[in-house]
Amino acid sequence: MKIVDKFWIGLLVSIILPVIFGLTYFHTAYKGDLEMWDALIATAKSGLPLFGKLVLLSTFPNLGLFFLFYKADYWHACRGTVVATAVFFIISFIYLT
């Protein structure tokens, strides 16, 4: 078994990568008067589907990560990526409705 081919490695990387991507995207796209964290919390509490869309957008790097794991035959890491992405999809659908 390969060192990188572990379920928990795929899971951890697939949780950390969307968070970093989402925060980077929000930091570059947000041009308001509030601090970034205050604006992010206000967006999540507002009831508008904007936060769900941000969470959904932040899962796109997981597609590339899944492709890399798939091409390298790291099947256990692929499973971790799918589980983490499913959690992000559930969170985004909760905020989208």
PDB file of N, CA and C in Angstrom:
ATOM      1  N   MET A   1       0.852  -1.184   0.000  1.00  0.00           N
ATOM      2  CA  MET A   1       0.000   0.000   0.000  1.00  0.00           C
ATOM      3  C   MET A   1       0.894   1.242   0.000  1.00  0.00           C
ATOM      4  N   LYS A   2       0.521   2.193  -0.767  1.00  0.00           N
ATOM      5  CA  LYS A   2       1.310   3.418  -0.866  1.00  0.00           C
ATOM      6  C   LYS A   2       1.065   4.308   0.343  1.00  0.00           C
ATOM      7  N   ILE A   3       2.058   5.130   0.672  1.00  0.00           N
ATOM      8  CA  ILE A   3       1.980   6.000   1.859  1.00  0.00           C
ATOM      9  C   ILE A   3       0.825   6.997   1.733  1.00  0.00           C
ATOM     10  N   VAL A   4       0.641   7.579   0.567  1.00  0.00           N
ATOM     11  CA  VAL A   4      -0.375   8.614   0.380  1.00  0.00           C
ATOM     12  C   VAL A   4      -1.767   8.001   0.227  1.00  0.00           C
ATOM     13  N   ASP A   5      -1.830   6.742  -0.115  1.00  0.00           N
ATOM     14  CA  ASP A   5      -3.115   6.098  -0.376  1.00  0.00           C
ATOM     15  C   ASP A   5      -3.784   5.676   0.928  1.00  0.00           C
ATOM     16  N   LYS A   6      -4.220   6.652   1.675  1.00  0.00           N
ATOM     17  CA  LYS A   6      -4.933   6.419   2.932  1.00  0.00           C
ATOM     18  C   LYS A   6      -6.224   7.231   2.899  1.00  0.00           C
ATOM     19  N   PHE A   7      -7.273   6.667   3.476  1.00  0.00           N
ATOM     20  CA  PHE A   7      -8.575   7.327   3.495  1.00  0.00           C
ATOM     21  C   PHE A   7      -8.502   8.668   4.209  1.00  0.00           C
ATOM     22  N   TRP A   8      -7.845   8.711   5.355  1.00  0.00           N
ATOM     23  CA  TRP A   8      -7.823   9.934   6.160  1.00  0.00           C
ATOM     24  C   TRP A   8      -7.010  11.035   5.495  1.00  0.00           C
ATOM     25  N   ILE A   9      -6.010  10.680   4.676  1.00  0.00           N
ATOM     26  CA  ILE A   9      -5.255  11.712   3.948  1.00  0.00           C
ATOM     27  C   ILE A   9      -6.155  12.360   2.899  1.00  0.00           C
ATOM     28  N   GLY A  10      -6.888  11.551   2.155  1.00  0.00           N
ATOM     29  CA  GLY A  10      -7.833  12.105   1.185  1.00  0.00           C
ATOM     30  C   GLY A  10      -8.906  12.941   1.847  1.00  0.00           C
ATOM     31  N   LEU A  11      -9.375  12.495   3.013  1.00  0.00           N
ATOM     32  CA  LEU A  11     -10.410  13.224   3.744  1.00  0.00           C
ATOM     33  C   LEU A  11      -9.891  14.568   4.252  1.00  0.00           C
ATOM     34  N   LEU A  12      -8.724  14.564   4.883  1.00  0.00           N
ATOM     35  CA  LEU A  12      -8.175  15.810   5.434  1.00  0.00           C
ATOM     36  C   LEU A  12      -7.836  16.825   4.348  1.00  0.00           C
ATOM     37  N   VAL A  13      -7.191  16.363   3.291  1.00  0.00           N
ATOM     38  CA  VAL A  13      -6.834  17.282   2.206  1.00  0.00           C
ATOM     39  C   VAL A  13      -8.091  17.820   1.532  1.00  0.00           C
ATOM     40  N   SER A  14      -9.113  16.982   1.413  1.00  0.00           N
ATOM     41  CA  SER A  14     -10.358  17.407   0.776  1.00  0.00           C
ATOM     42  C   SER A  14     -11.210  18.298   1.661  1.00  0.00           C
ATOM     43  N   ILE A  15     -10.916  18.360   2.936  1.00  0.00           N
ATOM     44  CA  ILE A  15     -11.591  19.315   3.817  1.00  0.00           C
ATOM     45  C   ILE A  15     -10.822  20.628   3.860  1.00  0.00           C
ATOM     46  N   ILE A  16      -9.507  20.557   3.911  1.00  0.00           N
ATOM     47  CA  ILE A  16      -8.677  21.761   4.030  1.00  0.00           C
ATOM     48  C   ILE A  16      -8.653  22.556   2.726  1.00  0.00           C
ATOM     49  N   LEU A  17      -8.532  21.877   1.595  1.00  0.00           N
ATOM     50  CA  LEU A  17      -8.413  22.562   0.302  1.00  0.00           C
ATOM     51  C   LEU A  17      -9.621  23.440  -0.034  1.00  0.00           C
ATOM     52  N   PRO A  18     -10.867  22.981   0.119  1.00  0.00           N
ATOM     53  CA  PRO A  18     -12.000  23.873  -0.160  1.00  0.00           C
ATOM     54  C   PRO A  18     -12.100  25.051   0.800  1.00  0.00           C
ATOM     55  N   VAL A  19     -11.714  24.845   2.053  1.00  0.00           N
ATOM     56  CA  VAL A  19     -11.749  25.960   3.007  1.00  0.00           C
ATOM     57  C   VAL A  19     -10.766  27.043   2.582  1.00  0.00           C
ATOM     58  N   ILE A  20      -9.557  26.646   2.217  1.00  0.00           N
ATOM     59  CA  ILE A  20      -8.556  27.619   1.763  1.00  0.00           C
ATOM     60  C   ILE A  20      -9.017  28.299   0.477  1.00  0.00           C
ATOM     61  N   PHE A  21      -9.537  27.519  -0.469  1.00  0.00           N
ATOM     62  CA  PHE A  21     -10.000  28.090  -1.734  1.00  0.00           C
ATOM     63  C   PHE A  21     -11.178  29.030  -1.522  1.00  0.00           C
ATOM     64  N   GLY A  22     -12.134  28.635  -0.681  1.00  0.00           N
ATOM     65  CA  GLY A  22     -13.304  29.475  -0.418  1.00  0.00           C
ATOM     66  C   GLY A  22     -12.933  30.777   0.261  1.00  0.00           C
ATOM     67  N   LEU A  23     -12.036  30.708   1.248  1.00  0.00           N
ATOM     68  CA  LEU A  23     -11.607  31.932   1.930  1.00  0.00           C
ATOM     69  C   LEU A  23     -10.820  32.847   0.996  1.00  0.00           C
ATOM     70  N   THR A  24      -9.980  32.262   0.156  1.00  0.00           N
ATOM     71  CA  THR A  24      -9.228  33.065  -0.814  1.00  0.00           C
ATOM     72  C   THR A  24     -10.165  33.728  -1.815  1.00  0.00           C
ATOM     73  N   TYR A  25     -11.133  32.972  -2.309  1.00  0.00           N
ATOM     74  CA  TYR A  25     -12.094  33.536  -3.250  1.00  0.00           C
ATOM     75  C   TYR A  25     -12.905  34.648  -2.602  1.00  0.00           C
ATOM     76  N   PHE A  26     -13.381  34.417  -1.389  1.00  0.00           N
ATOM     77  CA  PHE A  26     -14.186  35.426  -0.705  1.00  0.00           C
ATOM     78  C   PHE A  26     -13.353  36.665  -0.409  1.00  0.00           C
ATOM     79  N   HIS A  27     -12.094  36.474  -0.058  1.00  0.00           N
ATOM     80  CA  HIS A  27     -11.218  37.613   0.237  1.00  0.00           C
ATOM     81  C   HIS A  27     -10.972  38.463  -1.006  1.00  0.00           C
ATOM     82  N   THR A  28     -10.814  37.828  -2.158  1.00  0.00           N
ATOM     83  CA  THR A  28     -10.561  38.587  -3.382  1.00  0.00           C
ATOM     84  C   THR A  28     -11.836  39.185  -3.968  1.00  0.00           C
ATOM     85  N   ALA A  29     -12.985  38.537  -3.758  1.00  0.00           N
ATOM     86  CA  ALA A  29     -14.227  39.018  -4.360  1.00  0.00           C
ATOM     87  C   ALA A  29     -14.973  40.017  -3.492  1.00  0.00           C
ATOM     88  N   TYR A  30     -14.760  39.995  -2.177  1.00  0.00           N
ATOM     89  CA  TYR A  30     -15.523  40.855  -1.270  1.00  0.00           C
ATOM     90  C   TYR A  30     -14.910  42.245  -1.242  1.00  0.00           C
ATOM     91  N   LYS A  31     -15.734  43.254  -1.497  1.00  0.00           N
ATOM     92  CA  LYS A  31     -15.268  44.644  -1.518  1.00  0.00           C
ATOM     93  C   LYS A  31     -16.099  45.528  -0.600  1.00  0.00           C
ATOM     94  N   GLY A  32     -16.613  44.999   0.494  1.00  0.00           N
ATOM     95  CA  GLY A  32     -17.493  45.753   1.381  1.00  0.00           C
ATOM     96  C   GLY A  32     -16.752  46.474   2.488  1.00  0.00           C
ATOM     97  N   ASP A  33     -17.528  47.090   3.386  1.00  0.00           N
ATOM     98  CA  ASP A  33     -16.974  47.861   4.490  1.00  0.00           C
ATOM     99  C   ASP A  33     -16.676  47.010   5.720  1.00  0.00           C
ATOM    100  N   LEU A  34     -17.330  45.882   5.858  1.00  0.00           N
ATOM    101  CA  LEU A  34     -17.118  45.025   7.024  1.00  0.00           C
ATOM    102  C   LEU A  34     -15.793  44.271   6.915  1.00  0.00           C
ATOM    103  N   GLU A  35     -15.329  43.789   8.053  1.00  0.00           N
ATOM    104  CA  GLU A  35     -14.187  42.883   8.033  1.00  0.00           C
ATOM    105  C   GLU A  35     -14.605  41.603   7.313  1.00  0.00           C
ATOM    106  N   MET A  36     -13.629  40.881   6.773  1.00  0.00           N
ATOM    107  CA  MET A  36     -13.946  39.695   5.997  1.00  0.00           C
ATOM    108  C   MET A  36     -14.699  38.656   6.831  1.00  0.00           C
ATOM    109  N   TRP A  37     -14.270  38.403   8.064  1.00  0.00           N
ATOM    110  CA  TRP A  37     -14.923  37.389   8.901  1.00  0.00           C
ATOM    111  C   TRP A  37     -16.344  37.810   9.270  1.00  0.00           C
ATOM    112  N   ASP A  38     -16.525  39.099   9.565  1.00  0.00           N
ATOM    113  CA  ASP A  38     -17.867  39.586   9.886  1.00  0.00           C
ATOM    114  C   ASP A  38     -18.798  39.461   8.684  1.00  0.00           C
ATOM    115  N   ALA A  39     -18.275  39.763   7.509  1.00  0.00           N
ATOM    116  CA  ALA A  39     -19.081  39.640   6.294  1.00  0.00           C
ATOM    117  C   ALA A  39     -19.414  38.180   5.998  1.00  0.00           C
ATOM    118  N   LEU A  40     -18.479  37.290   6.249  1.00  0.00           N
ATOM    119  CA  LEU A  40     -18.722  35.868   6.015  1.00  0.00           C
ATOM    120  C   LEU A  40     -19.781  35.330   6.971  1.00  0.00           C
ATOM    121  N   ILE A  41     -19.714  35.731   8.228  1.00  0.00           N
ATOM    122  CA  ILE A  41     -20.718  35.311   9.212  1.00  0.00           C
ATOM    123  C   ILE A  41     -22.082  35.908   8.874  1.00  0.00           C
ATOM    124  N   ALA A  42     -22.102  37.180   8.470  1.00  0.00           N
ATOM    125  CA  ALA A  42     -23.367  37.818   8.090  1.00  0.00           C
ATOM    126  C   ALA A  42     -23.970  37.152   6.859  1.00  0.00           C
ATOM    127  N   THR A  43     -23.123  36.743   5.926  1.00  0.00           N
ATOM    128  CA  THR A  43     -23.604  36.047   4.737  1.00  0.00           C
ATOM    129  C   THR A  43     -24.213  34.698   5.109  1.00  0.00           C
ATOM    130  N   ALA A  44     -23.584  33.997   6.043  1.00  0.00           N
ATOM    131  CA  ALA A  44     -24.100  32.688   6.458  1.00  0.00           C
ATOM    132  C   ALA A  44     -25.416  32.819   7.217  1.00  0.00           C
ATOM    133  N   LYS A  45     -25.567  33.889   8.007  1.00  0.00           N
ATOM    134  CA  LYS A  45     -26.772  34.068   8.818  1.00  0.00           C
ATOM    135  C   LYS A  45     -27.908  34.762   8.077  1.00  0.00           C
ATOM    136  N   SER A  46     -27.636  35.330   6.916  1.00  0.00           N
ATOM    137  CA  SER A  46     -28.634  36.155   6.237  1.00  0.00           C
ATOM    138  C   SER A  46     -29.811  35.362   5.679  1.00  0.00           C
ATOM    139  N   GLY A  47     -29.626  34.099   5.418  1.00  0.00           N
ATOM    140  CA  GLY A  47     -30.709  33.311   4.836  1.00  0.00           C
ATOM    141  C   GLY A  47     -30.716  33.361   3.321  1.00  0.00           C
ATOM    142  N   LEU A  48     -29.858  34.167   2.729  1.00  0.00           N
ATOM    143  CA  LEU A  48     -29.740  34.216   1.280  1.00  0.00           C
ATOM    144  C   LEU A  48     -28.883  33.043   0.809  1.00  0.00           C
ATOM    145  N   PRO A  49     -29.077  32.594  -0.421  1.00  0.00           N
ATOM    146  CA  PRO A  49     -28.326  31.424  -0.890  1.00  0.00           C
ATOM    147  C   PRO A  49     -26.872  31.718  -1.253  1.00  0.00           C
ATOM    148  N   LEU A  50     -26.378  32.911  -0.952  1.00  0.00           N
ATOM    149  CA  LEU A  50     -25.015  33.265  -1.329  1.00  0.00           C
ATOM    150  C   LEU A  50     -23.981  32.388  -0.638  1.00  0.00           C
ATOM    151  N   PHE A  51     -24.166  32.092   0.637  1.00  0.00           N
ATOM    152  CA  PHE A  51     -23.205  31.260   1.357  1.00  0.00           C
ATOM    153  C   PHE A  51     -23.199  29.831   0.808  1.00  0.00           C
ATOM    154  N   GLY A  52     -24.357  29.310   0.447  1.00  0.00           N
ATOM    155  CA  GLY A  52     -24.421  27.980  -0.154  1.00  0.00           C
ATOM    156  C   GLY A  52     -23.690  27.921  -1.481  1.00  0.00           C
ATOM    157  N   LYS A  53     -23.802  28.992  -2.246  1.00  0.00           N
ATOM    158  CA  LYS A  53     -23.088  29.050  -3.522  1.00  0.00           C
ATOM    159  C   LYS A  53     -21.585  29.135  -3.306  1.00  0.00           C
ATOM    160  N   LEU A  54     -21.175  29.863  -2.268  1.00  0.00           N
ATOM    161  CA  LEU A  54     -19.748  29.948  -1.946  1.00  0.00           C
ATOM    162  C   LEU A  54     -19.203  28.584  -1.530  1.00  0.00           C
ATOM    163  N   VAL A  55     -19.955  27.853  -0.732  1.00  0.00           N
ATOM    164  CA  VAL A  55     -19.527  26.511  -0.318  1.00  0.00           C
ATOM    165  C   VAL A  55     -19.479  25.580  -1.523  1.00  0.00           C
ATOM    166  N   LEU A  56     -20.461  25.684  -2.392  1.00  0.00           N
ATOM    167  CA  LEU A  56     -20.491  24.853  -3.591  1.00  0.00           C
ATOM    168  C   LEU A  56     -19.320  25.178  -4.517  1.00  0.00           C
ATOM    169  N   LEU A  57     -19.013  26.453  -4.663  1.00  0.00           N
ATOM    170  CA  LEU A  57     -17.882  26.863  -5.490  1.00  0.00           C
ATOM    171  C   LEU A  57     -16.558  26.397  -4.899  1.00  0.00           C
ATOM    172  N   SER A  58     -16.471  26.364  -3.593  1.00  0.00           N
ATOM    173  CA  SER A  58     -15.207  25.997  -2.961  1.00  0.00           C
ATOM    174  C   SER A  58     -14.884  24.513  -3.102  1.00  0.00           C
ATOM    175  N   THR A  59     -15.830  23.706  -3.541  1.00  0.00           N
ATOM    176  CA  THR A  59     -15.554  22.278  -3.716  1.00  0.00           C
ATOM    177  C   THR A  59     -14.907  21.951  -5.058  1.00  0.00           C
ATOM    178  N   PHE A  60     -14.788  22.904  -5.955  1.00  0.00           N
ATOM    179  CA  PHE A  60     -14.202  22.628  -7.263  1.00  0.00           C
ATOM    180  C   PHE A  60     -12.757  22.135  -7.210  1.00  0.00           C
ATOM    181  N   PRO A  61     -11.903  22.609  -6.301  1.00  0.00           N
ATOM    182  CA  PRO A  61     -10.556  22.027  -6.246  1.00  0.00           C
ATOM    183  C   PRO A  61     -10.556  20.536  -5.904  1.00  0.00           C
ATOM    184  N   ASN A  62     -11.604  20.061  -5.253  1.00  0.00           N
ATOM    185  CA  ASN A  62     -11.682  18.631  -4.951  1.00  0.00           C
ATOM    186  C   ASN A  62     -11.814  17.790  -6.218  1.00  0.00           C
ATOM    187  N   LEU A  63     -12.377  18.364  -7.275  1.00  0.00           N
ATOM    188  CA  LEU A  63     -12.462  17.631  -8.539  1.00  0.00           C
ATOM    189  C   LEU A  63     -11.069  17.350  -9.092  1.00  0.00           C
ATOM    190  N   GLY A  64     -10.214  18.366  -9.050  1.00  0.00           N
ATOM    191  CA  GLY A  64      -8.837  18.176  -9.494  1.00  0.00           C
ATOM    192  C   GLY A  64      -8.072  17.215  -8.604  1.00  0.00           C
ATOM    193  N   LEU A  65      -8.298  17.320  -7.309  1.00  0.00           N
ATOM    194  CA  LEU A  65      -7.649  16.414  -6.368  1.00  0.00           C
ATOM    195  C   LEU A  65      -8.105  14.974  -6.596  1.00  0.00           C
ATOM    196  N   PHE A  66      -9.393  14.790  -6.817  1.00  0.00           N
ATOM    197  CA  PHE A  66      -9.908  13.453  -7.108  1.00  0.00           C
ATOM    198  C   PHE A  66      -9.281  12.905  -8.391  1.00  0.00           C
ATOM    199  N   PHE A  67      -9.147  13.747  -9.406  1.00  0.00           N
ATOM    200  CA  PHE A  67      -8.536  13.317 -10.662  1.00  0.00           C
ATOM    201  C   PHE A  67      -7.088  12.886 -10.448  1.00  0.00           C
ATOM    202  N   LEU A  68      -6.337  13.654  -9.638  1.00  0.00           N
ATOM    203  CA  LEU A  68      -4.945  13.280  -9.359  1.00  0.00           C
ATOM    204  C   LEU A  68      -4.859  11.954  -8.601  1.00  0.00           C
ATOM    205  N   PHE A  69      -5.705  11.778  -7.607  1.00  0.00           N
ATOM    206  CA  PHE A  69      -5.715  10.514  -6.871  1.00  0.00           C
ATOM    207  C   PHE A  69      -6.135   9.355  -7.775  1.00  0.00           C
ATOM    208  N   TYR A  70      -7.085   9.605  -8.654  1.00  0.00           N
ATOM    209  CA  TYR A  70      -7.570   8.570  -9.564  1.00  0.00           C
ATOM    210  C   TYR A  70      -6.472   8.134 -10.534  1.00  0.00           C
ATOM    211  N   LYS A  71      -5.767   9.107 -11.104  1.00  0.00           N
ATOM    212  CA  LYS A  71      -4.708   8.787 -12.061  1.00  0.00           C
ATOM    213  C   LYS A  71      -3.524   8.081 -11.403  1.00  0.00           C
ATOM    214  N   ALA A  72      -3.303   8.359 -10.115  1.00  0.00           N
ATOM    215  CA  ALA A  72      -2.201   7.721  -9.398  1.00  0.00           C
ATOM    216  C   ALA A  72      -2.616   6.391  -8.766  1.00  0.00           C
ATOM    217  N   ASP A  73      -3.841   5.964  -8.983  1.00  0.00           N
ATOM    218  CA  ASP A  73      -4.390   4.730  -8.414  1.00  0.00           C
ATOM    219  C   ASP A  73      -4.376   4.729  -6.894  1.00  0.00           C
ATOM    220  N   TYR A  74      -4.685   5.876  -6.304  1.00  0.00           N
ATOM    221  CA  TYR A  74      -4.814   5.983  -4.850  1.00  0.00           C
ATOM    222  C   TYR A  74      -6.300   5.870  -4.512  1.00  0.00           C
ATOM    223  N   TRP A  75      -6.808   4.662  -4.495  1.00  0.00           N
ATOM    224  CA  TRP A  75      -8.244   4.454  -4.375  1.00  0.00           C
ATOM    225  C   TRP A  75      -8.778   4.807  -2.997  1.00  0.00           C
ATOM    226  N   HIS A  76      -8.015   4.553  -1.956  1.00  0.00           N
ATOM    227  CA  HIS A  76      -8.485   4.900  -0.610  1.00  0.00           C
ATOM    228  C   HIS A  76      -8.549   6.417  -0.433  1.00  0.00           C
ATOM    229  N   ALA A  77      -7.574   7.127  -0.981  1.00  0.00           N
ATOM    230  CA  ALA A  77      -7.594   8.591  -0.923  1.00  0.00           C
ATOM    231  C   ALA A  77      -8.755   9.141  -1.754  1.00  0.00           C
ATOM    232  N   CYS A  78      -9.085   8.471  -2.853  1.00  0.00           N
ATOM    233  CA  CYS A  78     -10.255   8.868  -3.654  1.00  0.00           C
ATOM    234  C   CYS A  78     -11.530   8.761  -2.834  1.00  0.00           C
ATOM    235  N   ARG A  79     -11.628   7.721  -2.043  1.00  0.00           N
ATOM    236  CA  ARG A  79     -12.817   7.557  -1.199  1.00  0.00           C
ATOM    237  C   ARG A  79     -12.921   8.674  -0.173  1.00  0.00           C
ATOM    238  N   GLY A  80     -11.796   9.059   0.415  1.00  0.00           N
ATOM    239  CA  GLY A  80     -11.801  10.174   1.359  1.00  0.00           C
ATOM    240  C   GLY A  80     -12.223  11.470   0.701  1.00  0.00           C
ATOM    241  N   THR A  81     -11.787  11.676  -0.536  1.00  0.00           N
ATOM    242  CA  THR A  81     -12.166  12.875  -1.276  1.00  0.00           C
ATOM    243  C   THR A  81     -13.669  12.889  -1.553  1.00  0.00           C
ATOM    244  N   VAL A  82     -14.218  11.756  -1.913  1.00  0.00           N
ATOM    245  CA  VAL A  82     -15.655  11.680  -2.195  1.00  0.00           C
ATOM    246  C   VAL A  82     -16.469  11.948  -0.931  1.00  0.00           C
ATOM    247  N   VAL A  83     -16.044  11.403   0.201  1.00  0.00           N
ATOM    248  CA  VAL A  83     -16.779  11.610   1.453  1.00  0.00           C
ATOM    249  C   VAL A  83     -16.751  13.080   1.856  1.00  0.00           C
ATOM    250  N   ALA A  84     -15.581  13.715   1.787  1.00  0.00           N
ATOM    251  CA  ALA A  84     -15.481  15.128   2.161  1.00  0.00           C
ATOM    252  C   ALA A  84     -16.291  16.005   1.213  1.00  0.00           C
ATOM    253  N   THR A  85     -16.251  15.704  -0.070  1.00  0.00           N
ATOM    254  CA  THR A  85     -17.018  16.478  -1.038  1.00  0.00           C
ATOM    255  C   THR A  85     -18.515  16.304  -0.808  1.00  0.00           C
ATOM    256  N   ALA A  86     -18.939  15.108  -0.441  1.00  0.00           N
ATOM    257  CA  ALA A  86     -20.356  14.886  -0.140  1.00  0.00           C
ATOM    258  C   ALA A  86     -20.796  15.707   1.065  1.00  0.00           C
ATOM    259  N   VAL A  87     -19.938  15.823   2.064  1.00  0.00           N
ATOM    260  CA  VAL A  87     -20.265  16.648   3.236  1.00  0.00           C
ATOM    261  C   VAL A  87     -20.421  18.109   2.826  1.00  0.00           C
ATOM    262  N   PHE A  88     -19.511  18.602   1.985  1.00  0.00           N
ATOM    263  CA  PHE A  88     -19.622  19.987   1.515  1.00  0.00           C
ATOM    264  C   PHE A  88     -20.885  20.185   0.676  1.00  0.00           C
ATOM    265  N   PHE A  89     -21.257  19.205  -0.145  1.00  0.00           N
ATOM    266  CA  PHE A  89     -22.488  19.314  -0.925  1.00  0.00           C
ATOM    267  C   PHE A  89     -23.715  19.365  -0.027  1.00  0.00           C
ATOM    268  N   ILE A  90     -23.737  18.565   1.013  1.00  0.00           N
ATOM    269  CA  ILE A  90     -24.864  18.584   1.945  1.00  0.00           C
ATOM    270  C   ILE A  90     -24.967  19.943   2.624  1.00  0.00           C
ATOM    271  N   ILE A  91     -23.832  20.486   3.052  1.00  0.00           N
ATOM    272  CA  ILE A  91     -23.830  21.814   3.685  1.00  0.00           C
ATOM    273  C   ILE A  91     -24.326  22.871   2.708  1.00  0.00           C
ATOM    274  N   SER A  92     -23.868  22.813   1.459  1.00  0.00           N
ATOM    275  CA  SER A  92     -24.290  23.824   0.485  1.00  0.00           C
ATOM    276  C   SER A  92     -25.778  23.702   0.171  1.00  0.00           C
ATOM    277  N   PHE A  93     -26.304  22.491   0.079  1.00  0.00           N
ATOM    278  CA  PHE A  93     -27.729  22.332  -0.199  1.00  0.00           C
ATOM    279  C   PHE A  93     -28.588  22.787   0.966  1.00  0.00           C
ATOM    280  N   ILE A  94     -28.092  22.651   2.180  1.00  0.00           N
ATOM    281  CA  ILE A  94     -28.821  23.172   3.338  1.00  0.00           C
ATOM    282  C   ILE A  94     -28.932  24.686   3.241  1.00  0.00           C
ATOM    283  N   TYR A  95     -27.842  25.345   2.866  1.00  0.00           N
ATOM    284  CA  TYR A  95     -27.870  26.805   2.765  1.00  0.00           C
ATOM    285  C   TYR A  95     -28.566  27.298   1.504  1.00  0.00           C
ATOM    286  N   LEU A  96     -28.646  26.476   0.474  1.00  0.00           N
ATOM    287  CA  LEU A  96     -29.318  26.897  -0.756  1.00  0.00           C
ATOM    288  C   LEU A  96     -30.836  26.850  -0.639  1.00  0.00           C
ATOM    289  N   THR A  97     -31.367  26.068   0.271  1.00  0.00           N
ATOM    290  CA  THR A  97     -32.823  25.971   0.399  1.00  0.00           C
ATOM    291  C   THR A  97     -33.356  26.933   1.424  1.00  0.00           C
TER     292      THR A  97
END
